[in-house]
N, C-alpha and C. Protein backbone atom coordinates (compact mmCIF):
# COMPACT_ATOMS: atom_id res chain seq x y z
N MET A 1 104.86 131.43 84.56
CA MET A 1 105.22 130.25 85.06
C MET A 1 105.91 130.84 86.24
N GLY A 2 105.45 129.89 87.74
CA GLY A 2 105.68 130.61 88.60
C GLY A 2 107.44 130.30 88.45
N LYS A 3 107.93 131.31 90.20
CA LYS A 3 110.00 130.82 90.20
C LYS A 3 110.29 129.21 90.43
N LYS A 4 111.25 128.61 89.80
CA LYS A 4 112.03 127.68 90.40
C LYS A 4 111.91 127.64 91.63
N ILE A 5 111.92 126.59 92.06
CA ILE A 5 112.13 126.46 93.58
C ILE A 5 112.98 125.20 93.31
N TYR A 6 113.84 124.06 92.32
CA TYR A 6 114.43 123.30 92.46
C TYR A 6 115.34 123.17 91.34
N HIS A 7 116.67 123.18 91.80
CA HIS A 7 117.56 123.48 90.76
C HIS A 7 118.31 121.94 90.45
N VAL A 8 118.48 121.94 89.51
CA VAL A 8 119.80 121.13 89.54
C VAL A 8 121.15 121.10 89.47
N ASP A 9 121.94 120.41 90.09
CA ASP A 9 123.57 121.29 89.84
C ASP A 9 124.26 119.94 89.63
N LEU A 10 124.32 118.95 89.05
CA LEU A 10 125.09 118.04 88.72
C LEU A 10 126.72 117.78 89.09
N THR A 11 127.05 117.15 90.20
CA THR A 11 128.57 116.51 90.26
C THR A 11 129.05 116.10 88.62
N GLU A 12 130.58 116.57 88.84
CA GLU A 12 130.80 115.83 87.11
C GLU A 12 131.36 114.44 87.40
N GLU A 13 130.99 113.50 88.49
CA GLU A 13 130.45 111.85 88.78
C GLU A 13 128.80 112.00 88.03
N GLU A 14 128.10 112.36 88.74
CA GLU A 14 126.64 112.46 88.41
C GLU A 14 126.52 112.59 86.81
N ARG A 15 127.44 113.42 86.36
CA ARG A 15 127.35 114.09 85.01
C ARG A 15 126.93 112.95 84.24
N ASN A 16 128.77 112.41 84.21
CA ASN A 16 129.60 111.25 83.49
C ASN A 16 128.64 110.00 83.35
N ARG A 17 127.57 110.25 84.54
CA ARG A 17 127.22 108.74 84.75
C ARG A 17 126.08 108.65 83.78
N LEU A 18 125.57 109.98 83.77
CA LEU A 18 124.11 110.43 82.68
C LEU A 18 124.25 110.50 81.49
N GLU A 19 125.52 110.43 81.18
CA GLU A 19 126.19 110.52 79.83
C GLU A 19 126.40 109.02 79.48
N ASP A 20 126.36 108.26 80.49
CA ASP A 20 126.59 106.78 79.87
C ASP A 20 125.56 106.38 79.42
N SER A 21 124.57 107.05 79.85
CA SER A 21 123.34 106.40 80.04
C SER A 21 122.65 107.08 79.38
N LYS A 22 123.19 107.84 78.40
CA LYS A 22 122.49 108.57 77.05
C LYS A 22 122.66 107.75 76.00
N THR A 23 124.21 107.20 75.96
CA THR A 23 124.05 106.79 75.13
C THR A 23 123.75 105.60 74.67
N ALA A 24 123.26 103.97 75.71
CA ALA A 24 122.43 103.19 75.05
C ALA A 24 121.17 102.91 74.17
N LYS A 25 121.85 101.73 73.67
CA LYS A 25 120.86 101.92 72.13
C LYS A 25 119.37 101.54 72.86
N LYS A 26 119.05 101.05 73.63
CA LYS A 26 117.73 100.57 73.85
C LYS A 26 116.88 101.55 74.88
N ARG A 27 116.24 102.63 74.53
CA ARG A 27 116.04 103.62 75.26
C ARG A 27 114.62 103.44 76.72
N LYS A 28 114.65 103.55 77.92
CA LYS A 28 114.23 103.25 79.24
C LYS A 28 113.91 104.65 79.81
N ARG A 29 112.90 104.18 80.18
CA ARG A 29 112.27 105.61 81.34
C ARG A 29 113.48 105.95 81.88
N SER A 30 114.21 105.18 82.67
CA SER A 30 115.50 106.19 83.30
C SER A 30 116.31 106.83 82.30
N ASP A 31 116.39 106.15 81.21
CA ASP A 31 117.27 107.08 79.82
C ASP A 31 117.25 108.02 79.52
N GLN A 32 115.63 108.41 79.08
CA GLN A 32 115.16 109.45 79.52
C GLN A 32 114.86 110.88 80.35
N ARG A 33 115.09 110.75 81.95
CA ARG A 33 115.08 110.87 82.95
C ARG A 33 116.49 111.55 82.72
N SER A 34 117.09 110.82 82.41
CA SER A 34 118.96 111.22 82.74
C SER A 34 119.11 112.38 81.73
N LEU A 35 118.36 112.11 80.44
CA LEU A 35 118.26 113.45 79.77
C LEU A 35 117.51 114.90 79.68
N LEU A 36 116.48 114.38 80.48
CA LEU A 36 115.84 115.60 80.76
C LEU A 36 117.04 116.40 82.14
N LEU A 37 117.48 115.37 82.81
CA LEU A 37 118.77 116.01 84.24
C LEU A 37 119.26 116.58 83.60
N LEU A 38 119.97 115.90 82.06
CA LEU A 38 121.36 116.73 81.68
C LEU A 38 121.20 117.90 81.02
N ALA A 39 119.70 118.01 80.53
CA ALA A 39 119.67 119.20 79.79
C ALA A 39 119.23 120.25 81.72
N SER A 40 118.48 120.11 82.55
CA SER A 40 118.23 121.18 83.61
C SER A 40 119.16 121.14 84.37
N ASP A 41 120.48 120.47 83.89
CA ASP A 41 122.06 120.47 84.69
C ASP A 41 122.20 122.03 84.39
N ARG A 42 122.22 123.10 85.94
CA ARG A 42 122.77 124.68 85.91
C ARG A 42 123.56 125.09 85.04
N LYS A 43 124.64 124.06 85.01
CA LYS A 43 126.42 123.79 84.92
C LYS A 43 126.92 123.39 83.81
N GLY A 44 124.87 122.41 83.19
CA GLY A 44 125.97 121.40 82.15
C GLY A 44 125.94 122.60 80.69
N SER A 45 125.76 121.71 79.34
CA SER A 45 126.52 122.98 78.57
C SER A 45 124.76 123.49 77.62
N LEU A 46 123.74 122.36 78.10
CA LEU A 46 122.29 122.70 77.53
C LEU A 46 121.52 123.74 78.38
N VAL A 47 121.29 123.95 79.49
CA VAL A 47 120.75 124.96 80.42
C VAL A 47 119.41 125.18 79.52
N TRP A 48 118.27 124.71 79.66
CA TRP A 48 117.18 125.17 78.50
C TRP A 48 116.27 125.27 79.64
N THR A 49 115.44 126.07 79.59
CA THR A 49 113.99 126.20 80.28
C THR A 49 114.02 124.97 80.49
N ASP A 50 112.36 125.17 81.48
CA ASP A 50 111.33 123.55 81.60
C ASP A 50 111.21 123.35 80.07
N VAL A 51 109.87 124.53 79.89
CA VAL A 51 109.45 124.83 78.47
C VAL A 51 109.82 124.17 77.66
N GLU A 52 111.17 124.73 77.08
CA GLU A 52 112.28 123.63 75.96
C GLU A 52 112.30 122.72 76.21
N ILE A 53 112.74 122.29 77.19
CA ILE A 53 112.91 120.54 77.05
C ILE A 53 111.81 119.73 77.53
N SER A 54 110.30 120.21 78.16
CA SER A 54 109.74 119.46 77.49
C SER A 54 108.83 119.60 76.07
N ARG A 55 109.13 120.93 75.28
CA ARG A 55 109.49 121.00 73.77
C ARG A 55 110.10 119.42 73.26
N GLU A 56 111.40 119.22 73.85
CA GLU A 56 112.52 118.35 73.04
C GLU A 56 112.25 117.32 72.77
N TYR A 57 112.12 117.08 74.45
CA TYR A 57 111.74 115.94 74.83
C TYR A 57 110.23 115.27 74.52
N LYS A 58 109.49 115.76 74.33
CA LYS A 58 107.39 115.77 74.26
C LYS A 58 106.93 114.96 75.52
N VAL A 59 107.50 115.67 76.40
CA VAL A 59 106.96 115.72 77.69
C VAL A 59 106.11 116.67 78.74
N ASN A 60 105.60 116.23 79.47
CA ASN A 60 105.45 117.73 79.54
C ASN A 60 105.98 118.49 80.90
N VAL A 61 105.34 120.23 80.85
CA VAL A 61 106.59 120.95 81.72
C VAL A 61 106.48 120.29 83.19
N ARG A 62 105.36 119.74 83.82
CA ARG A 62 104.87 119.38 85.42
C ARG A 62 105.76 118.01 85.18
N THR A 63 106.28 117.07 84.38
CA THR A 63 106.95 116.12 84.14
C THR A 63 108.56 116.77 84.79
N VAL A 64 108.72 117.37 84.25
CA VAL A 64 110.23 118.11 84.11
C VAL A 64 110.70 118.65 85.98
N GLU A 65 108.83 119.51 86.07
CA GLU A 65 109.66 120.20 87.32
C GLU A 65 109.86 119.17 88.03
N ARG A 66 108.66 117.62 88.03
CA ARG A 66 108.67 116.33 89.21
C ARG A 66 109.70 116.09 89.08
N LEU A 67 110.51 115.66 88.31
CA LEU A 67 111.81 115.55 88.10
C LEU A 67 112.49 115.96 88.79
N ARG A 68 113.20 117.29 88.76
CA ARG A 68 113.59 118.51 89.47
C ARG A 68 113.42 118.17 90.72
N GLU A 69 112.27 118.04 91.39
CA GLU A 69 112.22 118.14 92.64
C GLU A 69 112.47 116.46 93.44
N ARG A 70 112.35 114.85 92.41
CA ARG A 70 112.66 114.42 93.04
C ARG A 70 114.44 114.51 92.81
N TYR A 71 114.59 114.77 91.78
CA TYR A 71 116.76 114.29 92.11
C TYR A 71 117.04 115.70 93.12
N VAL A 72 116.47 116.79 93.79
CA VAL A 72 117.34 117.53 94.89
C VAL A 72 116.65 116.90 95.90
N LEU A 73 115.59 116.64 96.09
CA LEU A 73 114.91 115.74 97.68
C LEU A 73 115.66 114.09 97.63
N HIS A 74 115.31 113.23 96.74
CA HIS A 74 116.05 112.24 97.45
C HIS A 74 116.64 111.37 96.28
N GLY A 75 117.91 112.73 96.11
CA GLY A 75 118.59 112.30 94.91
C GLY A 75 118.68 111.15 93.54
N ILE A 76 119.81 111.33 92.99
CA ILE A 76 119.93 110.90 91.58
C ILE A 76 119.31 109.86 91.48
N ASP A 77 119.43 108.46 92.51
CA ASP A 77 118.91 106.88 91.86
C ASP A 77 117.50 106.99 92.15
N ILE A 78 117.01 108.08 92.67
CA ILE A 78 115.53 107.97 93.18
C ILE A 78 114.55 108.87 91.87
N ALA A 79 115.83 109.83 91.69
CA ALA A 79 114.83 111.08 90.43
C ALA A 79 115.27 110.04 88.96
N LEU A 80 115.65 108.68 89.07
CA LEU A 80 116.33 108.70 87.43
C LEU A 80 115.42 106.69 87.94
N PHE A 81 115.24 106.34 88.62
CA PHE A 81 114.38 104.88 88.68
C PHE A 81 113.22 104.85 89.59
N GLY A 82 112.89 106.06 90.06
CA GLY A 82 111.78 106.27 91.60
C GLY A 82 111.64 105.78 92.81
N LEU A 83 110.59 105.93 93.56
CA LEU A 83 110.89 105.43 94.36
C LEU A 83 109.90 103.87 94.33
N PRO A 84 110.99 103.68 95.57
CA PRO A 84 110.59 101.44 95.74
C PRO A 84 109.59 101.43 96.01
N ARG A 85 108.38 100.30 95.63
CA ARG A 85 107.08 100.39 95.93
C ARG A 85 106.68 99.52 97.47
N LEU A 86 106.27 99.78 97.59
CA LEU A 86 105.41 99.22 99.36
C LEU A 86 104.62 98.18 99.03
N ASN A 87 105.32 96.71 99.50
CA ASN A 87 104.26 95.67 99.81
C ASN A 87 104.11 94.93 98.41
N GLU A 88 104.86 95.59 97.65
CA GLU A 88 105.17 94.90 96.03
C GLU A 88 105.18 93.59 96.34
N ASP A 89 106.10 93.26 97.17
CA ASP A 89 106.19 91.84 97.20
C ASP A 89 105.50 90.74 98.57
N LYS A 90 104.26 91.62 98.95
CA LYS A 90 103.95 90.74 99.95
C LYS A 90 102.55 90.48 99.23
N ILE A 91 101.81 89.26 99.58
CA ILE A 91 100.70 88.50 98.89
C ILE A 91 100.31 88.50 99.88
N LYS A 92 98.76 89.23 100.49
CA LYS A 92 97.87 89.04 101.40
C LYS A 92 97.01 87.94 101.62
N PHE A 93 96.44 87.84 100.29
CA PHE A 93 95.57 86.34 100.59
C PHE A 93 96.11 85.43 100.02
N ASP A 94 96.85 84.25 99.79
CA ASP A 94 97.22 82.97 99.22
C ASP A 94 95.98 82.22 99.50
N GLY A 95 95.82 80.68 98.67
CA GLY A 95 95.28 79.51 98.51
C GLY A 95 94.73 79.35 99.58
N ALA A 96 95.40 79.59 101.01
CA ALA A 96 94.61 79.43 102.58
C ALA A 96 93.87 80.17 102.62
N VAL A 97 93.94 81.37 102.59
CA VAL A 97 92.80 82.73 103.40
C VAL A 97 91.81 82.30 102.00
N GLU A 98 91.81 81.87 100.93
CA GLU A 98 91.13 81.62 99.87
C GLU A 98 90.19 80.67 100.58
N ALA A 99 91.05 79.58 100.62
CA ALA A 99 89.98 78.49 101.27
C ALA A 99 89.38 78.43 102.49
N GLN A 100 89.69 79.16 103.61
CA GLN A 100 88.84 79.71 104.33
C GLN A 100 87.78 80.36 104.68
N LEU A 101 88.18 81.60 103.30
CA LEU A 101 87.16 82.21 102.84
C LEU A 101 85.97 81.42 102.59
N VAL A 102 86.04 81.13 101.61
CA VAL A 102 84.77 79.88 100.79
C VAL A 102 84.59 78.86 102.09
N SER A 103 85.45 78.52 102.42
CA SER A 103 84.52 77.48 103.64
C SER A 103 84.06 78.17 104.72
N LEU A 104 83.70 79.66 104.90
CA LEU A 104 83.43 80.35 105.80
C LEU A 104 82.02 81.08 105.60
N ARG A 105 82.34 81.11 103.25
CA ARG A 105 80.83 81.83 103.04
C ARG A 105 80.05 80.71 102.96
N CYS A 106 80.34 79.06 103.05
CA CYS A 106 79.79 78.10 102.41
C CYS A 106 78.84 77.63 104.19
N SER A 107 79.33 78.06 105.36
CA SER A 107 78.72 77.94 106.58
C SER A 107 77.88 78.80 106.42
N ASP A 108 76.60 78.32 107.67
CA ASP A 108 75.70 78.90 107.98
C ASP A 108 75.80 80.23 108.57
N PRO A 109 75.44 81.85 108.47
CA PRO A 109 75.98 82.83 108.75
C PRO A 109 75.71 82.95 110.20
N PRO A 110 75.93 84.25 110.78
CA PRO A 110 75.75 84.87 112.25
C PRO A 110 74.12 84.82 112.51
N GLU A 111 73.87 84.31 114.32
CA GLU A 111 73.00 84.60 114.65
C GLU A 111 72.70 85.81 113.77
N GLY A 112 70.98 86.12 113.76
CA GLY A 112 70.48 87.20 113.51
C GLY A 112 70.46 88.35 111.78
N TYR A 113 71.28 86.85 111.26
CA TYR A 113 71.76 87.80 109.89
C TYR A 113 71.20 86.13 108.68
N SER A 114 70.60 86.67 107.80
CA SER A 114 70.07 85.44 107.05
C SER A 114 71.02 85.30 105.75
N SER A 115 71.73 86.22 105.93
CA SER A 115 73.09 86.26 104.69
C SER A 115 74.19 86.44 105.10
N TRP A 116 75.04 86.21 104.55
CA TRP A 116 76.22 86.99 105.15
C TRP A 116 77.03 87.73 104.11
N THR A 117 77.50 88.77 104.83
CA THR A 117 77.67 90.08 104.08
C THR A 117 79.10 90.35 104.03
N LEU A 118 79.91 90.76 102.95
CA LEU A 118 81.19 91.27 103.02
C LEU A 118 81.82 92.00 103.89
N SER A 119 81.25 92.51 104.96
CA SER A 119 81.59 93.44 106.18
C SER A 119 81.09 92.18 106.96
N LEU A 120 80.74 91.35 107.14
CA LEU A 120 80.52 90.17 108.16
C LEU A 120 81.53 89.28 107.96
N LEU A 121 81.54 88.77 106.34
CA LEU A 121 83.25 88.28 105.71
C LEU A 121 84.35 88.52 106.72
N SER A 122 84.43 89.69 105.68
CA SER A 122 85.57 90.54 106.70
C SER A 122 85.84 90.20 108.34
N ASP A 123 84.69 91.25 109.19
CA ASP A 123 85.52 90.86 110.47
C ASP A 123 85.49 89.93 110.98
N LYS A 124 84.84 88.87 110.55
CA LYS A 124 84.81 87.24 110.95
C LYS A 124 86.52 86.52 110.58
N LEU A 125 87.07 86.97 109.29
CA LEU A 125 88.33 86.78 109.10
C LEU A 125 89.23 87.69 110.17
N VAL A 126 89.14 88.48 110.24
CA VAL A 126 89.84 88.74 111.22
C VAL A 126 89.98 88.57 112.50
N SER A 127 88.63 88.21 112.89
CA SER A 127 88.47 88.07 114.42
C SER A 127 89.17 86.45 114.60
N LEU A 128 89.32 86.12 113.42
CA LEU A 128 89.59 84.82 113.42
C LEU A 128 91.42 84.59 113.07
N GLY A 129 91.44 85.73 113.14
CA GLY A 129 92.95 85.55 113.36
C GLY A 129 93.75 85.17 111.59
N ILE A 130 92.89 85.25 110.40
CA ILE A 130 92.97 84.38 109.44
C ILE A 130 94.17 85.80 108.65
N VAL A 131 93.99 86.91 108.99
CA VAL A 131 94.28 88.18 107.97
C VAL A 131 94.42 88.90 109.33
N GLU A 132 95.30 89.47 109.39
CA GLU A 132 95.66 91.34 110.19
C GLU A 132 94.57 92.26 109.87
N SER A 133 93.84 92.18 108.56
CA SER A 133 93.13 93.28 108.03
C SER A 133 92.73 92.93 106.68
N ILE A 134 91.08 93.18 106.46
CA ILE A 134 90.98 92.69 105.24
C ILE A 134 89.98 93.77 104.98
N SER A 135 89.22 94.19 103.38
CA SER A 135 88.74 95.04 103.24
C SER A 135 87.07 94.55 102.91
N PRO A 136 86.02 94.97 102.75
CA PRO A 136 84.84 94.17 102.10
C PRO A 136 84.88 94.00 100.75
N GLU A 137 85.98 94.91 99.61
CA GLU A 137 86.22 95.12 98.54
C GLU A 137 87.11 94.12 98.75
N SER A 138 87.98 93.42 98.81
CA SER A 138 88.88 92.33 98.41
C SER A 138 87.97 91.21 98.92
N ILE A 139 87.53 91.21 99.50
CA ILE A 139 86.46 89.93 99.70
C ILE A 139 85.59 89.75 98.59
N ASN A 140 85.22 90.90 98.30
CA ASN A 140 84.21 90.81 97.44
C ASN A 140 85.29 90.29 95.94
N ARG A 141 86.43 90.51 95.38
CA ARG A 141 87.61 90.12 94.43
C ARG A 141 87.09 89.05 95.14
N LEU A 142 87.68 88.24 95.68
CA LEU A 142 88.34 87.07 96.29
C LEU A 142 87.27 86.28 95.86
N LEU A 143 85.94 85.92 96.36
CA LEU A 143 84.68 85.51 96.10
C LEU A 143 84.23 85.47 94.80
N LYS A 144 84.59 86.73 93.75
CA LYS A 144 84.18 86.37 92.64
C LYS A 144 85.33 85.18 91.39
N LYS A 145 86.23 85.56 91.62
CA LYS A 145 87.74 84.33 91.41
C LYS A 145 87.04 82.92 91.98
N THR A 146 86.11 82.82 92.89
CA THR A 146 85.36 81.64 92.61
C THR A 146 84.47 81.26 93.11
N LYS A 147 83.99 82.76 91.99
CA LYS A 147 82.55 82.40 91.41
C LYS A 147 81.04 82.30 92.85
N LEU A 148 81.95 82.34 94.24
CA LEU A 148 80.58 82.50 95.39
C LEU A 148 80.39 83.82 95.48
N ASN A 149 80.35 85.34 94.93
CA ASN A 149 80.10 86.04 94.69
C ASN A 149 78.47 86.65 95.50
N LEU A 150 77.92 87.69 96.17
CA LEU A 150 76.69 88.01 97.27
C LEU A 150 76.08 88.79 96.32
N GLY A 151 76.25 89.29 95.42
CA GLY A 151 74.81 88.95 94.51
C GLY A 151 74.47 88.23 94.15
N GLY A 152 72.85 89.06 93.31
CA GLY A 152 71.41 88.00 93.80
C GLY A 152 71.47 87.53 92.45
N LEU A 153 70.96 86.49 92.43
CA LEU A 153 70.79 85.26 91.21
C LEU A 153 70.22 86.00 90.08
N LYS A 154 70.78 85.30 88.75
CA LYS A 154 70.30 86.24 87.67
C LYS A 154 69.66 85.33 86.88
N ASN A 155 68.71 85.27 86.11
CA ASN A 155 68.26 84.81 85.61
C ASN A 155 68.50 84.70 83.77
N GLY A 156 68.24 83.43 83.29
CA GLY A 156 68.32 83.76 81.45
C GLY A 156 70.04 84.23 81.39
């Protein structure tokens, strides 16, 4: 194993907080992470190596290393609960976008084309200002939901 780069040195307040979550009846991911941090603490009572921690708590050694790194770089809250997810609450394509996509798909294709392609549909939605950006794969998923995908007809 390589030399440790990130070392866990918990403050008394952080140690108390982790000890309190350790006694919870229901185990959550943050509870397991608190146990791993307590075991990694250089000033704590355990002071185990990463290999010992991984064996005791049945996690990969790399998991322990990444947890120590998150603690050092981002703090205890990020180490316990992870980084916030981006765009989790944004719904990019609502019913109005789907409706306009379906009406566009059912209309005649642009001049010079015999039918709509996924790229043409995505470019048209962007040029009409319906969405800021959309990938052809997203168009495909939306059309599949409405049974208007661009795949060939299948017999039987």
